[in-house]
C-alpha atoms as a PDB file:
ATOM      1  CA  MET A   1     -72.621  11.839  19.116  1.00  0.00           C
ATOM      2  CA  GLU A   2     -70.708  14.955  18.049  1.00  0.00           C
ATOM      3  CA  LEU A   3     -67.211  15.287  19.503  1.00  0.00           C
ATOM      4  CA  VAL A   4     -65.044  18.305  20.257  1.00  0.00           C
ATOM      5  CA  GLU A   5     -61.279  18.337  20.580  1.00  0.00           C
ATOM      6  CA  ILE A   6     -60.243  19.050  24.163  1.00  0.00           C
ATOM      7  CA  GLY A   7     -56.485  18.613  24.020  1.00  0.00           C
ATOM      8  CA  LYS A   8     -53.430  16.704  22.900  1.00  0.00           C
ATOM      9  CA  ILE A   9     -51.340  14.279  24.927  1.00  0.00           C
ATOM     10  CA  ILE A  10     -47.882  15.770  24.624  1.00  0.00           C
ATOM     11  CA  ASN A  11     -45.914  13.624  27.026  1.00  0.00           C
ATOM     12  CA  THR A  12     -45.871  11.317  30.001  1.00  0.00           C
ATOM     13  CA  PHE A  13     -45.152  12.698  33.453  1.00  0.00           C
ATOM     14  CA  GLY A  14     -43.382  10.649  36.086  1.00  0.00           C
ATOM     15  CA  ILE A  15     -43.340   6.878  36.183  1.00  0.00           C
ATOM     16  CA  LYS A  16     -46.868   6.223  37.493  1.00  0.00           C
ATOM     17  CA  GLY A  17     -48.754   6.710  34.218  1.00  0.00           C
ATOM     18  CA  ASP A  18     -49.625  10.417  34.397  1.00  0.00           C
ATOM     19  CA  LEU A  19     -50.028  12.262  31.095  1.00  0.00           C
ATOM     20  CA  LYS A  20     -49.316  15.883  30.198  1.00  0.00           C
ATOM     21  CA  ILE A  21     -52.100  17.483  28.155  1.00  0.00           C
ATOM     22  CA  ALA A  22     -51.893  20.622  25.997  1.00  0.00           C
ATOM     23  CA  SER A  23     -55.490  21.615  26.610  1.00  0.00           C
ATOM     24  CA  SER A  24     -57.619  23.197  23.900  1.00  0.00           C
ATOM     25  CA  THR A  25     -60.753  23.539  26.020  1.00  0.00           C
ATOM     26  CA  ASP A  26     -61.979  26.335  28.237  1.00  0.00           C
ATOM     27  CA  PHE A  27     -63.561  23.720  30.495  1.00  0.00           C
ATOM     28  CA  GLY A  28     -60.573  21.703  31.671  1.00  0.00           C
ATOM     29  CA  GLU A  29     -61.875  21.322  35.222  1.00  0.00           C
ATOM     30  CA  GLN A  30     -65.053  19.668  33.909  1.00  0.00           C
ATOM     31  CA  ARG A  31     -63.577  17.756  30.957  1.00  0.00           C
ATOM     32  CA  PHE A  32     -60.657  16.284  32.899  1.00  0.00           C
ATOM     33  CA  ALA A  33     -62.422  15.792  36.258  1.00  0.00           C
ATOM     34  CA  PRO A  34     -61.882  12.424  37.927  1.00  0.00           C
ATOM     35  CA  GLY A  35     -64.702  10.086  36.907  1.00  0.00           C
ATOM     36  CA  SER A  36     -65.262  11.765  33.546  1.00  0.00           C
ATOM     37  CA  HIS A  37     -64.595   9.959  30.273  1.00  0.00           C
ATOM     38  CA  ILE A  38     -62.558  11.140  27.297  1.00  0.00           C
ATOM     39  CA  LEU A  39     -61.910   9.595  23.906  1.00  0.00           C
ATOM     40  CA  VAL A  40     -58.332   9.285  22.685  1.00  0.00           C
ATOM     41  CA  LYS A  41     -57.885   9.022  18.933  1.00  0.00           C
ATOM     42  CA  THR A  42     -55.200   6.534  18.004  1.00  0.00           C
ATOM     43  CA  PRO A  43     -54.204   5.844  14.384  1.00  0.00           C
ATOM     44  CA  ARG A  44     -56.741   2.996  14.276  1.00  0.00           C
ATOM     45  CA  GLU A  45     -59.620   3.913  16.595  1.00  0.00           C
ATOM     46  CA  TYR A  46     -61.073   6.033  19.371  1.00  0.00           C
ATOM     47  CA  LEU A  47     -60.413   4.616  22.839  1.00  0.00           C
ATOM     48  CA  ASP A  48     -62.607   5.514  25.825  1.00  0.00           C
ATOM     49  CA  PHE A  49     -60.789   6.218  29.102  1.00  0.00           C
ATOM     50  CA  GLU A  50     -62.055   7.144  32.531  1.00  0.00           C
ATOM     51  CA  ILE A  51     -59.971   9.782  34.273  1.00  0.00           C
ATOM     52  CA  SER A  52     -58.792   8.873  37.766  1.00  0.00           C
ATOM     53  CA  LYS A  53     -56.711  11.962  38.547  1.00  0.00           C
ATOM     54  CA  HIS A  54     -56.437  15.564  37.346  1.00  0.00           C
ATOM     55  CA  TYR A  55     -54.184  18.416  38.435  1.00  0.00           C
ATOM     56  CA  ILE A  56     -52.458  21.436  36.915  1.00  0.00           C
ATOM     57  CA  HIS A  57     -48.660  21.530  36.695  1.00  0.00           C
ATOM     58  CA  LYS A  58     -46.812  24.490  35.153  1.00  0.00           C
ATOM     59  CA  GLY A  59     -49.887  25.501  33.142  1.00  0.00           C
ATOM     60  CA  PHE A  60     -50.601  22.041  31.758  1.00  0.00           C
ATOM     61  CA  ASP A  61     -53.459  19.706  32.601  1.00  0.00           C
ATOM     62  CA  MET A  62     -52.079  16.496  34.028  1.00  0.00           C
ATOM     63  CA  ILE A  63     -54.299  13.407  34.023  1.00  0.00           C
ATOM     64  CA  ALA A  64     -54.172   9.704  34.757  1.00  0.00           C
ATOM     65  CA  PHE A  65     -56.416   6.995  33.335  1.00  0.00           C
ATOM     66  CA  LYS A  66     -58.214   4.609  35.656  1.00  0.00           C
ATOM     67  CA  GLY A  67     -56.395   1.266  35.738  1.00  0.00           C
ATOM     68  CA  TYR A  68     -53.197   2.614  34.181  1.00  0.00           C
ATOM     69  CA  THR A  69     -50.467   3.031  36.797  1.00  0.00           C
ATOM     70  CA  ASP A  70     -47.251   2.644  34.824  1.00  0.00           C
ATOM     71  CA  ILE A  71     -45.511   4.875  32.275  1.00  0.00           C
ATOM     72  CA  ASN A  72     -45.082   1.907  29.920  1.00  0.00           C
ATOM     73  CA  GLU A  73     -48.862   1.449  29.663  1.00  0.00           C
ATOM     74  CA  VAL A  74     -49.555   5.033  28.521  1.00  0.00           C
ATOM     75  CA  GLU A  75     -46.437   5.988  26.577  1.00  0.00           C
ATOM     76  CA  LYS A  76     -48.029   4.812  23.314  1.00  0.00           C
ATOM     77  CA  TYR A  77     -50.661   7.603  23.571  1.00  0.00           C
ATOM     78  CA  LYS A  78     -48.145  10.453  23.266  1.00  0.00           C
ATOM     79  CA  GLY A  79     -49.176  12.685  20.374  1.00  0.00           C
ATOM     80  CA  CYS A  80     -52.807  11.516  20.372  1.00  0.00           C
ATOM     81  CA  ILE A  81     -55.699  13.973  20.348  1.00  0.00           C
ATOM     82  CA  CYS A  82     -58.313  13.855  23.127  1.00  0.00           C
ATOM     83  CA  TYR A  83     -62.022  14.354  22.463  1.00  0.00           C
ATOM     84  CA  ALA A  84     -65.179  14.647  24.524  1.00  0.00           C
ATOM     85  CA  PRO A  85     -68.862  14.774  23.628  1.00  0.00           C
ATOM     86  CA  LYS A  86     -70.025  18.241  22.635  1.00  0.00           C
ATOM     87  CA  ASP A  87     -71.882  19.681  25.633  1.00  0.00           C
ATOM     88  CA  THR A  88     -73.533  23.037  25.014  1.00  0.00           C
ATOM     89  CA  SER A  89     -74.633  23.231  28.658  1.00  0.00           C
ATOM     90  CA  LEU A  90     -71.036  24.167  29.528  1.00  0.00           C
ATOM     91  CA  LEU A  91     -71.200  27.298  27.360  1.00  0.00           C
ATOM     92  CA  PRO A  92     -72.294  30.658  28.745  1.00  0.00           C
ATOM     93  CA  GLU A  93     -75.262  32.225  26.947  1.00  0.00           C
ATOM     94  CA  GLY A  94     -74.305  33.682  23.570  1.00  0.00           C
ATOM     95  CA  MET A  95     -71.101  31.623  23.298  1.00  0.00           C
ATOM     96  CA  HIS A  96     -70.402  28.772  20.878  1.00  0.00           C
ATOM     97  CA  TYR A  97     -67.762  26.187  20.080  1.00  0.00           C
ATOM     98  CA  ILE A  98     -64.958  27.054  17.671  1.00  0.00           C
ATOM     99  CA  SER A  99     -65.981  24.107  15.490  1.00  0.00           C
ATOM    100  CA  ASP A 100     -69.395  25.754  15.030  1.00  0.00           C
ATOM    101  CA  ILE A 101     -67.768  28.824  13.443  1.00  0.00           C
ATOM    102  CA  VAL A 102     -65.943  26.823  10.749  1.00  0.00           C
ATOM    103  CA  ASP A 103     -67.899  26.725   7.458  1.00  0.00           C
ATOM    104  CA  CYS A 104     -69.953  29.808   8.335  1.00  0.00           C
ATOM    105  CA  GLU A 105     -70.564  32.097   5.372  1.00  0.00           C
ATOM    106  CA  VAL A 106     -69.098  35.577   5.840  1.00  0.00           C
ATOM    107  CA  TYR A 107     -70.767  38.702   4.467  1.00  0.00           C
ATOM    108  CA  ASN A 108     -69.060  42.110   4.348  1.00  0.00           C
ATOM    109  CA  ASN A 109     -71.730  44.822   4.538  1.00  0.00           C
ATOM    110  CA  GLY A 110     -74.250  42.388   3.014  1.00  0.00           C
ATOM    111  CA  THR A 111     -71.994  41.052   0.229  1.00  0.00           C
ATOM    112  CA  TYR A 112     -70.848  37.424   0.399  1.00  0.00           C
ATOM    113  CA  ILE A 113     -67.039  37.220   0.605  1.00  0.00           C
ATOM    114  CA  GLY A 114     -66.293  33.613   1.590  1.00  0.00           C
ATOM    115  CA  LYS A 115     -66.408  30.850   4.188  1.00  0.00           C
ATOM    116  CA  VAL A 116     -64.595  30.471   7.492  1.00  0.00           C
ATOM    117  CA  THR A 117     -61.898  27.814   7.124  1.00  0.00           C
ATOM    118  CA  ASP A 118     -59.952  28.249  10.388  1.00  0.00           C
ATOM    119  CA  VAL A 119     -60.163  29.875  13.792  1.00  0.00           C
ATOM    120  CA  TYR A 120     -56.949  30.953  15.506  1.00  0.00           C
ATOM    121  CA  GLN A 121     -56.841  31.498  19.258  1.00  0.00           C
ATOM    122  CA  GLY A 122     -54.531  34.009  20.881  1.00  0.00           C
ATOM    123  CA  ALA A 123     -55.037  37.291  22.682  1.00  0.00           C
ATOM    124  CA  GLN A 124     -58.168  37.471  20.524  1.00  0.00           C
ATOM    125  CA  ALA A 125     -59.755  35.001  18.146  1.00  0.00           C
ATOM    126  CA  ILE A 126     -59.086  35.458  14.433  1.00  0.00           C
ATOM    127  CA  ILE A 127     -61.145  33.795  11.727  1.00  0.00           C
ATOM    128  CA  GLY A 128     -59.489  32.666   8.518  1.00  0.00           C
ATOM    129  CA  VAL A 129     -61.836  33.253   5.593  1.00  0.00           C
ATOM    130  CA  ASP A 130     -61.321  31.782   2.119  1.00  0.00           C
ATOM    131  CA  VAL A 131     -61.935  34.723  -0.234  1.00  0.00           C
ATOM    132  CA  ASN A 132     -61.550  33.589  -3.848  1.00  0.00           C
ATOM    133  CA  GLY A 133     -58.785  31.147  -2.949  1.00  0.00           C
ATOM    134  CA  LYS A 134     -56.925  33.551  -0.653  1.00  0.00           C
ATOM    135  CA  LYS A 135     -57.027  33.353   3.113  1.00  0.00           C
ATOM    136  CA  VAL A 136     -58.026  36.624   4.747  1.00  0.00           C
ATOM    137  CA  MET A 137     -57.597  36.904   8.517  1.00  0.00           C
ATOM    138  CA  ILE A 138     -60.341  38.853  10.290  1.00  0.00           C
ATOM    139  CA  PRO A 139     -60.194  39.614  14.021  1.00  0.00           C
ATOM    140  CA  TYR A 140     -63.272  38.062  15.629  1.00  0.00           C
ATOM    141  CA  ILE A 141     -64.107  41.173  17.642  1.00  0.00           C
ATOM    142  CA  ASP A 142     -67.094  43.508  17.828  1.00  0.00           C
ATOM    143  CA  ALA A 143     -65.277  46.224  15.860  1.00  0.00           C
ATOM    144  CA  PHE A 144     -65.467  44.005  12.739  1.00  0.00           C
ATOM    145  CA  VAL A 145     -68.066  41.322  13.514  1.00  0.00           C
ATOM    146  CA  LYS A 146     -71.488  42.932  13.499  1.00  0.00           C
ATOM    147  CA  ASN A 147     -73.743  39.874  13.659  1.00  0.00           C
ATOM    148  CA  LYS A 148     -73.191  36.176  14.405  1.00  0.00           C
ATOM    149  CA  ASP A 149     -75.937  33.736  13.466  1.00  0.00           C
ATOM    150  CA  ILE A 150     -74.037  30.524  14.067  1.00  0.00           C
ATOM    151  CA  GLU A 151     -77.203  28.400  13.956  1.00  0.00           C
ATOM    152  CA  HIS A 152     -77.748  29.494  10.333  1.00  0.00           C
ATOM    153  CA  LYS A 153     -73.977  29.534   9.587  1.00  0.00           C
ATOM    154  CA  ARG A 154     -73.764  33.274   8.836  1.00  0.00           C
ATOM    155  CA  ILE A 155     -71.366  35.940  10.109  1.00  0.00           C
ATOM    156  CA  ASP A 156     -71.797  39.583   9.103  1.00  0.00           C
ATOM    157  CA  VAL A 157     -68.721  41.815   9.213  1.00  0.00           C
ATOM    158  CA  SER A 158     -67.910  45.404   8.366  1.00  0.00           C
ATOM    159  CA  LEU A 159     -64.304  45.575   7.200  1.00  0.00           C
ATOM    160  CA  ILE A 160     -62.151  48.655   6.847  1.00  0.00           C
ATOM    161  CA  GLY A 161     -60.250  49.410   3.640  1.00  0.00           C
ATOM    162  CA  GLY A 162     -57.322  47.107   3.031  1.00  0.00           C
ATOM    163  CA  PHE A 163     -58.823  43.824   4.157  1.00  0.00           C
ATOM    164  CA  LEU A 164     -60.168  42.935   0.729  1.00  0.00           C
ATOM    165  CA  ASP A 165     -58.501  45.555  -1.482  1.00  0.00           C
ATOM    166  CA  GLU A 166     -56.461  43.704  -4.134  1.00  0.00           C
ATOM    167  CA  ASP A 167     -54.182  46.725  -4.593  1.00  0.00           C
ATOM    168  CA  TRP A 168     -53.129  46.598  -0.955  1.00  0.00           C
ATOM    169  CA  CYS A 169     -51.784  43.022  -0.717  1.00  0.00           C
ATOM    170  CA  SER A 170     -55.216  41.606   0.288  1.00  0.00           C
ATOM    171  CA  PHE A 171     -54.266  42.228   3.917  1.00  0.00           C
ATOM    172  CA  ILE A 172     -53.284  38.580   4.269  1.00  0.00           C
ATOM    173  CA  ILE A 173     -51.586  38.151   7.611  1.00  0.00           C
ATOM    174  CA  SER A 174     -49.748  35.191   9.038  1.00  0.00           C
ATOM    175  CA  ARG A 175     -47.754  34.694  12.201  1.00  0.00           C
ATOM    176  CA  ASP A 176     -44.570  34.559  10.110  1.00  0.00           C
ATOM    177  CA  ILE A 177     -45.244  37.965   8.564  1.00  0.00           C
ATOM    178  CA  TRP A 178     -45.820  39.479  12.006  1.00  0.00           C
ATOM    179  CA  ARG A 179     -42.531  37.967  13.206  1.00  0.00           C
ATOM    180  CA  ILE A 180     -40.719  39.482  10.210  1.00  0.00           C
ATOM    181  CA  LEU A 181     -42.306  42.887  10.832  1.00  0.00           C
ATOM    182  CA  ASP A 182     -41.458  42.683  14.525  1.00  0.00           C
ATOM    183  CA  ASN A 183     -37.793  42.040  13.630  1.00  0.00           C
ATOM    184  CA  ILE A 184     -37.723  45.044  11.267  1.00  0.00           C
ATOM    185  CA  TYR A 185     -38.859  47.478  13.951  1.00  0.00           C
ATOM    186  CA  TYR A 186     -36.629  46.257  16.784  1.00  0.00           C
END
């Protein structure tokens, strides 16, 4: 059974055993629905829990496990990652899981440039591609991504000058660099 990460338990909530989840799924209503099961990865093993309650509070998914009604019973799961079985029936046509994008080979105008190592979510998805040992960030949008064949692990892009040009700093972008640039212009 292939698993996908659906969130992280970041804290307890109240004294009755509720848990605050930083969700990393687009299908929180289905994944955290009462009666559904999730796997919680502890340092030693994966534990299967049935969800008895789910609600949203201040943008966070809040859940409770069936049979756990006290904060002391669930406190030990703070910081653990939650997983669920990969279910492609939840995806709209033409969509895929982030984990499916990792390890795809990337070709720029037909020339192999590297493999996807990371996917960053924000206002738009950005793929991190290892190009000769350097990480190049490419916006995962139609302007750059021309073809996605995730089944065969291939992504075709058409990059503008500067993304791969060694004379122009390789166009390597990180959140820290953007923060520095933002501070310069304000």
